């Protein structure tokens, strides 16, 4: 059971969210059959976080930002309850996008700063880079280009380090946009 839980978390951390959920569903089934109640509750909480996260992502795509905010906040609350910083981190960053799309850029910044602290504490480099990119984007919007550039370059270095070519291209695009201005 513990191996399945760890495998589920690993998949969450590398962005394989659906696969993570399937593995955790399997872990839940095992805990129910073996009547391991203390693990069952934790696995159930992980699955519920996934459900709130997934609902929040769907609401973002549908541009229902208030619902997305509620779903991500529920996921964050549950992640904090069970002390799952991996889940809290990703949900905070996604919550920040809900605020960005409503032009609440100060909340967008503060949520990314909070997520960045967690990413650094748990050494999640990819999420650290994404938070730095978002913070750079905040400064870009504020026309504080030197601050934006510094954050984009830091995010770019991390994207290259973890070989995330999508994030790398986004960083390069935004850096290029700064130099065009």
Protein backbone atom coordinates (compact mmCIF):
# COMPACT_ATOMS: atom_id res chain seq x y z
CA UNK A 1 0.00 0.00 0.00
CA UNK A 2 2.75 2.43 0.96
CA UNK A 3 4.48 1.81 -2.39
CA UNK A 4 1.27 2.58 -4.27
CA UNK A 5 0.81 5.79 -2.28
CA UNK A 6 4.38 6.88 -3.03
CA UNK A 7 3.97 5.98 -6.69
CA UNK A 8 0.76 8.02 -6.80
CA UNK A 9 2.55 11.02 -5.28
CA UNK A 10 5.48 10.62 -7.66
CA UNK A 11 3.12 10.72 -10.62
CA UNK A 12 1.41 13.81 -9.17
CA UNK A 13 4.79 15.52 -8.87
CA UNK A 14 5.76 14.84 -12.47
CA UNK A 15 2.43 16.09 -13.75
CA UNK A 16 0.86 12.70 -14.48
CA UNK A 17 -2.26 13.69 -12.57
CA UNK A 18 -4.71 11.14 -14.05
CA UNK A 19 -2.22 8.31 -13.64
CA UNK A 20 -1.67 9.44 -10.04
CA UNK A 21 -5.41 9.24 -9.42
CA UNK A 22 -5.68 5.74 -10.92
CA UNK A 23 -2.81 4.48 -8.74
CA UNK A 24 -4.35 6.04 -5.63
CA UNK A 25 -7.71 4.45 -6.49
CA UNK A 26 -5.90 1.10 -6.56
CA UNK A 27 -4.27 1.90 -3.19
CA UNK A 28 -7.69 2.77 -1.78
CA UNK A 29 -9.07 -0.56 -2.95
CA UNK A 30 -6.18 -2.40 -1.25
CA UNK A 31 -6.63 -0.48 2.02
CA UNK A 32 -10.36 -1.25 2.02
CA UNK A 33 -9.81 -4.96 1.40
CA UNK A 34 -7.06 -5.16 4.02
CA UNK A 35 -9.01 -2.87 6.41
CA UNK A 36 -6.07 -0.50 6.91
CA UNK A 37 -8.17 2.45 8.07
CA UNK A 38 -5.41 4.96 8.84
CA UNK A 39 -4.06 4.62 5.29
CA UNK A 40 -7.55 4.50 3.79
CA UNK A 41 -8.42 7.95 5.12
CA UNK A 42 -5.21 9.48 3.80
CA UNK A 43 -5.60 7.90 0.37
CA UNK A 44 -9.23 9.06 0.27
CA UNK A 45 -8.03 12.60 1.02
CA UNK A 46 -5.48 12.41 -1.82
CA UNK A 47 -8.21 11.30 -4.21
CA UNK A 48 -10.51 14.07 -3.03
CA UNK A 49 -7.73 16.62 -3.62
CA UNK A 50 -7.40 15.28 -7.15
CA UNK A 51 -11.15 15.63 -7.68
CA UNK A 52 -11.15 19.26 -6.49
CA UNK A 53 -8.02 19.97 -8.55
CA UNK A 54 -9.55 18.41 -11.68
CA UNK A 55 -12.82 20.32 -11.15
CA UNK A 56 -10.83 23.54 -10.73
CA UNK A 57 -8.91 22.92 -13.97
CA UNK A 58 -12.20 22.23 -15.78
CA UNK A 59 -13.67 25.45 -14.40
CA UNK A 60 -10.60 27.38 -15.55
CA UNK A 61 -11.05 26.02 -19.08
CA UNK A 62 -14.73 26.99 -18.96
CA UNK A 63 -13.75 30.45 -17.65
CA UNK A 64 -15.82 29.95 -14.49
CA UNK A 65 -13.16 31.52 -12.29
CA UNK A 66 -15.23 31.75 -9.11
CA UNK A 67 -15.92 28.02 -9.20
CA UNK A 68 -12.26 27.33 -9.98
CA UNK A 69 -11.22 29.41 -6.97
CA UNK A 70 -13.60 27.49 -4.70
CA UNK A 71 -12.39 24.12 -5.97
CA UNK A 72 -8.70 24.97 -5.67
CA UNK A 73 -9.25 26.45 -2.20
CA UNK A 74 -10.97 23.23 -1.08
CA UNK A 75 -8.06 21.20 -2.47
CA UNK A 76 -5.55 23.45 -0.69
CA UNK A 77 -7.46 23.22 2.60
CA UNK A 78 -7.45 19.43 2.39
CA UNK A 79 -3.77 19.33 1.38
CA UNK A 80 -2.89 21.45 4.41
CA UNK A 81 -5.00 19.25 6.67
CA UNK A 82 -3.03 16.16 5.68
CA UNK A 83 0.25 18.10 5.36
CA UNK A 84 0.76 17.29 1.67
CA UNK A 85 2.93 20.12 0.41
CA UNK A 86 3.18 18.53 -3.04
CA UNK A 87 -0.57 18.90 -3.49
CA UNK A 88 -0.72 22.30 -1.84
CA UNK A 89 2.00 23.62 -4.13
CA UNK A 90 0.38 22.67 -7.44
CA UNK A 91 -3.06 23.80 -6.26
CA UNK A 92 -1.73 27.18 -5.10
CA UNK A 93 -0.14 27.79 -8.48
CA UNK A 94 -3.33 26.84 -10.31
CA UNK A 95 -5.39 28.98 -7.92
CA UNK A 96 -3.13 31.90 -8.81
CA UNK A 97 -4.15 31.56 -12.47
CA UNK A 98 -7.82 31.90 -11.51
CA UNK A 99 -6.96 35.23 -9.94
CA UNK A 100 -4.81 36.31 -12.88
CA UNK A 101 -7.67 35.69 -15.32
CA UNK A 102 -9.84 37.98 -13.17
CA UNK A 103 -7.15 40.69 -13.26
CA UNK A 104 -6.40 40.23 -9.56
CA UNK A 105 -2.67 40.31 -10.16
CA UNK A 106 -1.65 41.11 -6.60
CA UNK A 107 -3.25 37.88 -5.37
CA UNK A 108 -1.67 36.13 -8.38
CA UNK A 109 1.74 37.33 -7.14
CA UNK A 110 1.22 36.43 -3.48
CA UNK A 111 -0.02 32.92 -4.28
CA UNK A 112 2.98 32.29 -6.51
CA UNK A 113 5.35 33.57 -3.84
CA UNK A 114 3.74 31.21 -1.34
CA UNK A 115 3.98 28.32 -3.81
CA UNK A 116 7.61 29.21 -4.56
CA UNK A 117 8.51 28.90 -0.88
CA UNK A 118 7.00 25.42 -0.79
CA UNK A 119 8.66 24.39 -4.07
CA UNK A 120 12.05 25.40 -2.71
CA UNK A 121 11.44 23.75 0.65
CA UNK A 122 10.52 20.41 -0.92
CA UNK A 123 13.03 20.85 -3.76
CA UNK A 124 10.50 20.57 -6.57
CA UNK A 125 12.51 22.23 -9.32
CA UNK A 126 9.93 22.15 -12.09
CA UNK A 127 7.27 23.80 -9.91
CA UNK A 128 9.89 26.28 -8.67
CA UNK A 129 10.56 27.28 -12.26
CA UNK A 130 6.86 27.67 -13.02
CA UNK A 131 6.35 29.86 -9.96
CA UNK A 132 9.32 32.01 -10.97
CA UNK A 133 7.88 32.31 -14.48
CA UNK A 134 4.55 33.46 -13.04
CA UNK A 135 6.27 35.99 -10.79
CA UNK A 136 8.18 37.22 -13.84
CA UNK A 137 4.87 37.55 -15.65
CA UNK A 138 3.52 39.65 -12.79
CA UNK A 139 6.45 42.05 -13.12
CA UNK A 140 6.03 42.03 -16.90
CA UNK A 141 2.41 43.18 -16.48
CA UNK A 142 3.58 45.85 -14.04
CA UNK A 143 6.18 46.96 -16.65
CA UNK A 144 9.00 46.31 -14.21
CA UNK A 145 11.05 44.69 -16.93
CA UNK A 146 14.31 44.20 -15.05
CA UNK A 147 12.45 42.26 -12.34
CA UNK A 148 10.52 40.31 -14.96
CA UNK A 149 13.70 39.46 -16.85
CA UNK A 150 15.46 38.29 -13.69
CA UNK A 151 12.61 35.90 -12.83
CA UNK A 152 12.22 34.67 -16.42
CA UNK A 153 15.95 33.94 -16.63
CA UNK A 154 15.88 32.04 -13.35
CA UNK A 155 12.87 30.06 -14.59
CA UNK A 156 14.66 29.43 -17.90
CA UNK A 157 17.70 27.99 -16.12
CA UNK A 158 15.48 25.61 -14.18
CA UNK A 159 13.50 24.60 -17.29
CA UNK A 160 16.77 23.73 -19.01
CA UNK A 161 18.02 21.87 -15.95
CA UNK A 162 14.91 19.67 -15.76
CA UNK A 163 14.68 19.47 -19.56
CA UNK A 164 11.18 20.91 -19.74
CA UNK A 165 11.13 22.21 -23.29
CA UNK A 166 7.62 23.66 -23.10
CA UNK A 167 8.53 25.80 -20.09
CA UNK A 168 11.86 26.69 -21.71
CA UNK A 169 10.11 27.95 -24.85
CA UNK A 170 7.66 30.02 -22.79
CA UNK A 171 10.55 31.64 -20.92
CA UNK A 172 12.42 32.40 -24.14
CA UNK A 173 9.29 33.86 -25.72
CA UNK A 174 8.65 36.18 -22.78
CA UNK A 175 12.31 37.20 -22.55
CA UNK A 176 12.20 38.02 -26.27
CA UNK A 177 9.05 40.10 -25.78
CA UNK A 178 10.82 42.16 -23.12
CA UNK A 179 13.66 42.98 -25.50
CA UNK A 180 11.22 43.95 -28.26
CA UNK A 181 9.68 46.56 -25.96
